[in-house]
C-alpha cells in the first residue's frame, strides 16, 4: 500500500492546463488503486472477493468516463 495526499483546490479556479494534468493524474492514480484492490481480492473468498472484483470493474469504468472527458477537453 502507499500513502498520498488528497489536497485539492476546492472553490478555486484552476487553469485548463492544470485541469487536464489533474485528470490525467487521476486516471493513473485510480488504475493503481484498482490494481491494489485486485491483489487484495485474491486474498479473500466468497462474496467479499466478488465485491472487490466488482469494485475494480467500477474503477475501470470510471476511468473510461474520465478518459472520454479528457478527449473532449483536449479537443
PDB file of N, CA and C in Angstrom:
ATOM      1  N   UNK A   1       0.843  -1.177   0.000  1.00  0.00           N
ATOM      2  CA  UNK A   1       0.000   0.000   0.000  1.00  0.00           C
ATOM      3  C   UNK A   1       0.886   1.238   0.000  1.00  0.00           C
ATOM      4  N   UNK A   2       0.254   2.363  -0.215  1.00  0.00           N
ATOM      5  CA  UNK A   2       1.005   3.605  -0.256  1.00  0.00           C
ATOM      6  C   UNK A   2       0.193   4.700   0.399  1.00  0.00           C
ATOM      7  N   UNK A   3       0.869   5.763   0.696  1.00  0.00           N
ATOM      8  CA  UNK A   3       0.158   6.923   1.221  1.00  0.00           C
ATOM      9  C   UNK A   3       0.258   8.033   0.191  1.00  0.00           C
ATOM     10  N   UNK A   4      -0.708   8.915   0.225  1.00  0.00           N
ATOM     11  CA  UNK A   4      -0.714  10.014  -0.713  1.00  0.00           C
ATOM     12  C   UNK A   4      -1.569  11.140  -0.176  1.00  0.00           C
ATOM     13  N   UNK A   5      -1.312  12.297  -0.693  1.00  0.00           N
ATOM     14  CA  UNK A   5      -2.023  13.496  -0.275  1.00  0.00           C
ATOM     15  C   UNK A   5      -3.188  13.732  -1.215  1.00  0.00           C
ATOM     16  N   UNK A   6      -4.342  14.009  -0.669  1.00  0.00           N
ATOM     17  CA  UNK A   6      -5.519  14.301  -1.479  1.00  0.00           C
ATOM     18  C   UNK A   6      -5.955  15.747  -1.305  1.00  0.00           C
ATOM     19  N   UNK A   7      -4.994  16.657  -1.230  1.00  0.00           N
ATOM     20  CA  UNK A   7      -5.376  18.056  -1.094  1.00  0.00           C
ATOM     21  C   UNK A   7      -5.830  18.578  -2.449  1.00  0.00           C
ATOM     22  N   UNK A   8      -6.883  19.343  -2.435  1.00  0.00           N
ATOM     23  CA  UNK A   8      -7.460  19.884  -3.656  1.00  0.00           C
ATOM     24  C   UNK A   8      -7.776  21.353  -3.445  1.00  0.00           C
ATOM     25  N   UNK A   9      -7.872  22.062  -4.548  1.00  0.00           N
ATOM     26  CA  UNK A   9      -8.177  23.484  -4.506  1.00  0.00           C
ATOM     27  C   UNK A   9      -9.680  23.682  -4.685  1.00  0.00           C
ATOM     28  N   UNK A  10     -10.475  23.188  -3.751  1.00  0.00           N
ATOM     29  CA  UNK A  10     -11.920  23.323  -3.846  1.00  0.00           C
ATOM     30  C   UNK A  10     -12.304  24.797  -3.805  1.00  0.00           C
ATOM     31  N   UNK A  11     -13.152  25.179  -4.758  1.00  0.00           N
ATOM     32  CA  UNK A  11     -13.626  26.547  -4.784  1.00  0.00           C
ATOM     33  C   UNK A  11     -12.661  27.514  -5.442  1.00  0.00           C
ATOM     34  N   UNK A  12     -11.510  27.031  -5.854  1.00  0.00           N
ATOM     35  CA  UNK A  12     -10.544  27.889  -6.521  1.00  0.00           C
ATOM     36  C   UNK A  12     -10.474  27.496  -7.991  1.00  0.00           C
ATOM     37  N   UNK A  13     -10.323  28.496  -8.841  1.00  0.00           N
ATOM     38  CA  UNK A  13     -10.220  28.229 -10.264  1.00  0.00           C
ATOM     39  C   UNK A  13      -8.870  27.613 -10.591  1.00  0.00           C
ATOM     40  N   UNK A  14      -8.883  26.636 -11.474  1.00  0.00           N
ATOM     41  CA  UNK A  14      -7.647  26.062 -11.982  1.00  0.00           C
ATOM     42  C   UNK A  14      -7.632  26.290 -13.489  1.00  0.00           C
ATOM     43  N   UNK A  15      -6.449  26.409 -14.031  1.00  0.00           N
ATOM     44  CA  UNK A  15      -6.339  26.630 -15.464  1.00  0.00           C
ATOM     45  C   UNK A  15      -6.724  25.363 -16.214  1.00  0.00           C
ATOM     46  N   UNK A  16      -7.002  25.515 -17.495  1.00  0.00           N
ATOM     47  CA  UNK A  16      -7.340  24.360 -18.325  1.00  0.00           C
ATOM     48  C   UNK A  16      -6.179  23.370 -18.333  1.00  0.00           C
ATOM     49  N   UNK A  17      -4.965  23.872 -18.372  1.00  0.00           N
ATOM     50  CA  UNK A  17      -3.777  23.011 -18.362  1.00  0.00           C
ATOM     51  C   UNK A  17      -3.681  22.223 -17.057  1.00  0.00           C
ATOM     52  N   UNK A  18      -3.937  22.906 -15.945  1.00  0.00           N
ATOM     53  CA  UNK A  18      -3.905  22.226 -14.639  1.00  0.00           C
ATOM     54  C   UNK A  18      -5.010  21.181 -14.544  1.00  0.00           C
ATOM     55  N   UNK A  19      -6.174  21.516 -15.070  1.00  0.00           N
ATOM     56  CA  UNK A  19      -7.306  20.584 -15.045  1.00  0.00           C
ATOM     57  C   UNK A  19      -6.969  19.310 -15.817  1.00  0.00           C
ATOM     58  N   UNK A  20      -6.404  19.463 -17.015  1.00  0.00           N
ATOM     59  CA  UNK A  20      -6.028  18.295 -17.815  1.00  0.00           C
ATOM     60  C   UNK A  20      -4.974  17.467 -17.100  1.00  0.00           C
ATOM     61  N   UNK A  21      -3.992  18.139 -16.527  1.00  0.00           N
ATOM     62  CA  UNK A  21      -2.928  17.425 -15.814  1.00  0.00           C
ATOM     63  C   UNK A  21      -3.504  16.644 -14.634  1.00  0.00           C
ATOM     64  N   UNK A  22      -4.416  17.248 -13.895  1.00  0.00           N
ATOM     65  CA  UNK A  22      -5.013  16.581 -12.747  1.00  0.00           C
ATOM     66  C   UNK A  22      -5.852  15.390 -13.181  1.00  0.00           C
ATOM     67  N   UNK A  23      -6.618  15.544 -14.235  1.00  0.00           N
ATOM     68  CA  UNK A  23      -7.435  14.435 -14.719  1.00  0.00           C
ATOM     69  C   UNK A  23      -6.569  13.277 -15.205  1.00  0.00           C
ATOM     70  N   UNK A  24      -5.481  13.585 -15.900  1.00  0.00           N
ATOM     71  CA  UNK A  24      -4.565  12.529 -16.348  1.00  0.00           C
ATOM     72  C   UNK A  24      -3.941  11.824 -15.153  1.00  0.00           C
ATOM     73  N   UNK A  25      -3.564  12.600 -14.145  1.00  0.00           N
ATOM     74  CA  UNK A  25      -3.008  12.015 -12.924  1.00  0.00           C
ATOM     75  C   UNK A  25      -4.041  11.099 -12.264  1.00  0.00           C
ATOM     76  N   UNK A  26      -5.295  11.553 -12.212  1.00  0.00           N
ATOM     77  CA  UNK A  26      -6.331  10.777 -11.546  1.00  0.00           C
ATOM     78  C   UNK A  26      -6.562   9.439 -12.232  1.00  0.00           C
ATOM     79  N   UNK A  27      -6.484   9.402 -13.556  1.00  0.00           N
ATOM     80  CA  UNK A  27      -6.648   8.141 -14.280  1.00  0.00           C
ATOM     81  C   UNK A  27      -5.566   7.158 -13.841  1.00  0.00           C
ATOM     82  N   UNK A  28      -4.321   7.615 -13.792  1.00  0.00           N
ATOM     83  CA  UNK A  28      -3.222   6.745 -13.367  1.00  0.00           C
ATOM     84  C   UNK A  28      -3.374   6.336 -11.905  1.00  0.00           C
ATOM     85  N   UNK A  29      -3.750   7.281 -11.085  1.00  0.00           N
ATOM     86  CA  UNK A  29      -3.927   7.042  -9.652  1.00  0.00           C
ATOM     87  C   UNK A  29      -5.021   6.000  -9.414  1.00  0.00           C
ATOM     88  N   UNK A  30      -6.141   6.171 -10.112  1.00  0.00           N
ATOM     89  CA  UNK A  30      -7.241   5.219  -9.981  1.00  0.00           C
ATOM     90  C   UNK A  30      -6.831   3.834 -10.463  1.00  0.00           C
ATOM     91  N   UNK A  31      -6.078   3.779 -11.556  1.00  0.00           N
ATOM     92  CA  UNK A  31      -5.618   2.490 -12.075  1.00  0.00           C
ATOM     93  C   UNK A  31      -4.738   1.789 -11.044  1.00  0.00           C
ATOM     94  N   UNK A  32      -3.914   2.557 -10.359  1.00  0.00           N
ATOM     95  CA  UNK A  32      -3.064   1.977  -9.320  1.00  0.00           C
ATOM     96  C   UNK A  32      -3.921   1.395  -8.191  1.00  0.00           C
ATOM     97  N   UNK A  33      -4.938   2.138  -7.780  1.00  0.00           N
ATOM     98  CA  UNK A  33      -5.831   1.637  -6.736  1.00  0.00           C
ATOM     99  C   UNK A  33      -6.579   0.384  -7.201  1.00  0.00           C
ATOM    100  N   UNK A  34      -6.970   0.349  -8.463  1.00  0.00           N
ATOM    101  CA  UNK A  34      -7.656  -0.835  -8.992  1.00  0.00           C
ATOM    102  C   UNK A  34      -6.738  -2.052  -8.919  1.00  0.00           C
ATOM    103  N   UNK A  35      -5.462  -1.856  -9.231  1.00  0.00           N
ATOM    104  CA  UNK A  35      -4.500  -2.961  -9.133  1.00  0.00           C
ATOM    105  C   UNK A  35      -4.368  -3.437  -7.688  1.00  0.00           C
ATOM    106  N   UNK A  36      -4.316  -2.494  -6.759  1.00  0.00           N
ATOM    107  CA  UNK A  36      -4.227  -2.863  -5.342  1.00  0.00           C
ATOM    108  C   UNK A  36      -5.452  -3.655  -4.900  1.00  0.00           C
ATOM    109  N   UNK A  37      -6.636  -3.191  -5.294  1.00  0.00           N
ATOM    110  CA  UNK A  37      -7.869  -3.906  -4.936  1.00  0.00           C
ATOM    111  C   UNK A  37      -7.894  -5.297  -5.543  1.00  0.00           C
ATOM    112  N   UNK A  38      -7.443  -5.399  -6.772  1.00  0.00           N
ATOM    113  CA  UNK A  38      -7.391  -6.702  -7.443  1.00  0.00           C
ATOM    114  C   UNK A  38      -6.513  -7.669  -6.640  1.00  0.00           C
ATOM    115  N   UNK A  39      -5.351  -7.187  -6.225  1.00  0.00           N
ATOM    116  CA  UNK A  39      -4.449  -8.019  -5.421  1.00  0.00           C
ATOM    117  C   UNK A  39      -5.087  -8.409  -4.088  1.00  0.00           C
ATOM    118  N   UNK A  40      -5.742  -7.449  -3.452  1.00  0.00           N
ATOM    119  CA  UNK A  40      -6.406  -7.729  -2.180  1.00  0.00           C
ATOM    120  C   UNK A  40      -7.540  -8.741  -2.344  1.00  0.00           C
ATOM    121  N   UNK A  41      -8.255  -8.654  -3.456  1.00  0.00           N
ATOM    122  CA  UNK A  41      -9.376  -9.559  -3.702  1.00  0.00           C
ATOM    123  C   UNK A  41      -8.911 -11.004  -3.763  1.00  0.00           C
ATOM    124  N   UNK A  42      -7.691 -11.212  -4.241  1.00  0.00           N
ATOM    125  CA  UNK A  42      -7.180 -12.581  -4.343  1.00  0.00           C
ATOM    126  C   UNK A  42      -6.879 -13.195  -2.982  1.00  0.00           C
ATOM    127  N   UNK A  43      -6.824 -12.351  -1.947  1.00  0.00           N
ATOM    128  CA  UNK A  43      -6.638 -12.866  -0.599  1.00  0.00           C
ATOM    129  C   UNK A  43      -7.943 -13.106   0.124  1.00  0.00           C
ATOM    130  N   UNK A  44      -9.044 -12.852  -0.569  1.00  0.00           N
ATOM    131  CA  UNK A  44     -10.374 -13.009   0.030  1.00  0.00           C
ATOM    132  C   UNK A  44     -11.111 -14.137  -0.669  1.00  0.00           C
ATOM    133  N   UNK A  45     -12.214 -14.527  -0.060  1.00  0.00           N
ATOM    134  CA  UNK A  45     -13.036 -15.592  -0.632  1.00  0.00           C
ATOM    135  C   UNK A  45     -14.488 -15.152  -0.696  1.00  0.00           C
ATOM    136  N   UNK A  46     -15.251 -15.870  -1.469  1.00  0.00           N
ATOM    137  CA  UNK A  46     -16.697 -15.707  -1.495  1.00  0.00           C
ATOM    138  C   UNK A  46     -17.165 -14.337  -1.920  1.00  0.00           C
ATOM    139  N   UNK A  47     -18.209 -13.882  -1.245  1.00  0.00           N
ATOM    140  CA  UNK A  47     -18.855 -12.626  -1.610  1.00  0.00           C
ATOM    141  C   UNK A  47     -17.916 -11.439  -1.472  1.00  0.00           C
ATOM    142  N   UNK A  48     -17.033 -11.473  -0.474  1.00  0.00           N
ATOM    143  CA  UNK A  48     -16.084 -10.368  -0.309  1.00  0.00           C
ATOM    144  C   UNK A  48     -15.189 -10.242  -1.536  1.00  0.00           C
ATOM    145  N   UNK A  49     -14.675 -11.351  -2.021  1.00  0.00           N
ATOM    146  CA  UNK A  49     -13.829 -11.331  -3.220  1.00  0.00           C
ATOM    147  C   UNK A  49     -14.628 -10.834  -4.423  1.00  0.00           C
ATOM    148  N   UNK A  50     -15.864 -11.307  -4.547  1.00  0.00           N
ATOM    149  CA  UNK A  50     -16.716 -10.869  -5.658  1.00  0.00           C
ATOM    150  C   UNK A  50     -16.940  -9.362  -5.619  1.00  0.00           C
ATOM    151  N   UNK A  51     -17.230  -8.834  -4.446  1.00  0.00           N
ATOM    152  CA  UNK A  51     -17.469  -7.398  -4.316  1.00  0.00           C
ATOM    153  C   UNK A  51     -16.222  -6.589  -4.639  1.00  0.00           C
ATOM    154  N   UNK A  52     -15.068  -7.076  -4.208  1.00  0.00           N
ATOM    155  CA  UNK A  52     -13.826  -6.369  -4.513  1.00  0.00           C
ATOM    156  C   UNK A  52     -13.546  -6.385  -6.013  1.00  0.00           C
ATOM    157  N   UNK A  53     -13.802  -7.498  -6.666  1.00  0.00           N
ATOM    158  CA  UNK A  53     -13.629  -7.565  -8.123  1.00  0.00           C
ATOM    159  C   UNK A  53     -14.607  -6.621  -8.830  1.00  0.00           C
ATOM    160  N   UNK A  54     -15.818  -6.522  -8.300  1.00  0.00           N
ATOM    161  CA  UNK A  54     -16.787  -5.572  -8.864  1.00  0.00           C
ATOM    162  C   UNK A  54     -16.305  -4.137  -8.675  1.00  0.00           C
ATOM    163  N   UNK A  55     -15.683  -3.865  -7.537  1.00  0.00           N
ATOM    164  CA  UNK A  55     -15.144  -2.527  -7.287  1.00  0.00           C
ATOM    165  C   UNK A  55     -14.049  -2.191  -8.294  1.00  0.00           C
ATOM    166  N   UNK A  56     -13.218  -3.174  -8.615  1.00  0.00           N
ATOM    167  CA  UNK A  56     -12.178  -2.963  -9.634  1.00  0.00           C
ATOM    168  C   UNK A  56     -12.833  -2.597 -10.966  1.00  0.00           C
ATOM    169  N   UNK A  57     -13.866  -3.330 -11.333  1.00  0.00           N
ATOM    170  CA  UNK A  57     -14.585  -3.036 -12.571  1.00  0.00           C
ATOM    171  C   UNK A  57     -15.183  -1.629 -12.535  1.00  0.00           C
ATOM    172  N   UNK A  58     -15.727  -1.239 -11.394  1.00  0.00           N
ATOM    173  CA  UNK A  58     -16.298   0.102 -11.250  1.00  0.00           C
ATOM    174  C   UNK A  58     -15.233   1.175 -11.454  1.00  0.00           C
ATOM    175  N   UNK A  59     -14.060   0.971 -10.884  1.00  0.00           N
ATOM    176  CA  UNK A  59     -12.975   1.942 -11.053  1.00  0.00           C
ATOM    177  C   UNK A  59     -12.565   2.019 -12.520  1.00  0.00           C
ATOM    178  N   UNK A  60     -12.470   0.870 -13.160  1.00  0.00           N
ATOM    179  CA  UNK A  60     -12.100   0.856 -14.574  1.00  0.00           C
ATOM    180  C   UNK A  60     -13.147   1.580 -15.427  1.00  0.00           C
ATOM    181  N   UNK A  61     -14.412   1.398 -15.099  1.00  0.00           N
ATOM    182  CA  UNK A  61     -15.479   2.099 -15.821  1.00  0.00           C
ATOM    183  C   UNK A  61     -15.410   3.609 -15.570  1.00  0.00           C
ATOM    184  N   UNK A  62     -15.122   3.993 -14.343  1.00  0.00           N
ATOM    185  CA  UNK A  62     -14.971   5.413 -14.027  1.00  0.00           C
ATOM    186  C   UNK A  62     -13.818   6.015 -14.818  1.00  0.00           C
ATOM    187  N   UNK A  63     -12.719   5.284 -14.899  1.00  0.00           N
ATOM    188  CA  UNK A  63     -11.580   5.777 -15.660  1.00  0.00           C
ATOM    189  C   UNK A  63     -11.926   5.963 -17.131  1.00  0.00           C
ATOM    190  N   UNK A  64     -12.744   5.082 -17.691  1.00  0.00           N
ATOM    191  CA  UNK A  64     -13.164   5.242 -19.078  1.00  0.00           C
ATOM    192  C   UNK A  64     -13.918   6.551 -19.264  1.00  0.00           C
ATOM    193  N   UNK A  65     -14.751   6.894 -18.290  1.00  0.00           N
ATOM    194  CA  UNK A  65     -15.511   8.143 -18.370  1.00  0.00           C
ATOM    195  C   UNK A  65     -14.585   9.355 -18.235  1.00  0.00           C
ATOM    196  N   UNK A  66     -13.615   9.270 -17.333  1.00  0.00           N
ATOM    197  CA  UNK A  66     -12.655  10.367 -17.178  1.00  0.00           C
ATOM    198  C   UNK A  66     -11.844  10.528 -18.470  1.00  0.00           C
ATOM    199  N   UNK A  67     -11.431   9.405 -19.051  1.00  0.00           N
ATOM    200  CA  UNK A  67     -10.673   9.465 -20.309  1.00  0.00           C
ATOM    201  C   UNK A  67     -11.504  10.061 -21.432  1.00  0.00           C
ATOM    202  N   UNK A  68     -12.793   9.741 -21.488  1.00  0.00           N
ATOM    203  CA  UNK A  68     -13.672  10.318 -22.502  1.00  0.00           C
ATOM    204  C   UNK A  68     -13.803  11.823 -22.293  1.00  0.00           C
ATOM    205  N   UNK A  69     -13.918  12.245 -21.047  1.00  0.00           N
ATOM    206  CA  UNK A  69     -13.990  13.675 -20.751  1.00  0.00           C
ATOM    207  C   UNK A  69     -12.687  14.357 -21.144  1.00  0.00           C
ATOM    208  N   UNK A  70     -11.566  13.714 -20.880  1.00  0.00           N
ATOM    209  CA  UNK A  70     -10.268  14.258 -21.272  1.00  0.00           C
ATOM    210  C   UNK A  70     -10.204  14.492 -22.780  1.00  0.00           C
ATOM    211  N   UNK A  71     -10.661  13.526 -23.557  1.00  0.00           N
ATOM    212  CA  UNK A  71     -10.645  13.666 -25.006  1.00  0.00           C
ATOM    213  C   UNK A  71     -11.465  14.870 -25.438  1.00  0.00           C
ATOM    214  N   UNK A  72     -12.628  15.046 -24.808  1.00  0.00           N
ATOM    215  CA  UNK A  72     -13.461  16.202 -25.129  1.00  0.00           C
ATOM    216  C   UNK A  72     -12.768  17.521 -24.766  1.00  0.00           C
ATOM    217  N   UNK A  73     -12.151  17.534 -23.598  1.00  0.00           N
ATOM    218  CA  UNK A  73     -11.479  18.760 -23.146  1.00  0.00           C
ATOM    219  C   UNK A  73     -10.237  19.078 -23.967  1.00  0.00           C
ATOM    220  N   UNK A  74      -9.573  18.037 -24.452  1.00  0.00           N
ATOM    221  CA  UNK A  74      -8.373  18.255 -25.260  1.00  0.00           C
ATOM    222  C   UNK A  74      -8.717  18.636 -26.697  1.00  0.00           C
ATOM    223  N   UNK A  75      -9.994  18.431 -27.061  1.00  0.00           N
ATOM    224  CA  UNK A  75     -10.434  18.809 -28.400  1.00  0.00           C
ATOM    225  C   UNK A  75     -10.170  17.745 -29.366  1.00  0.00           C
TER     226      UNK A  75
END
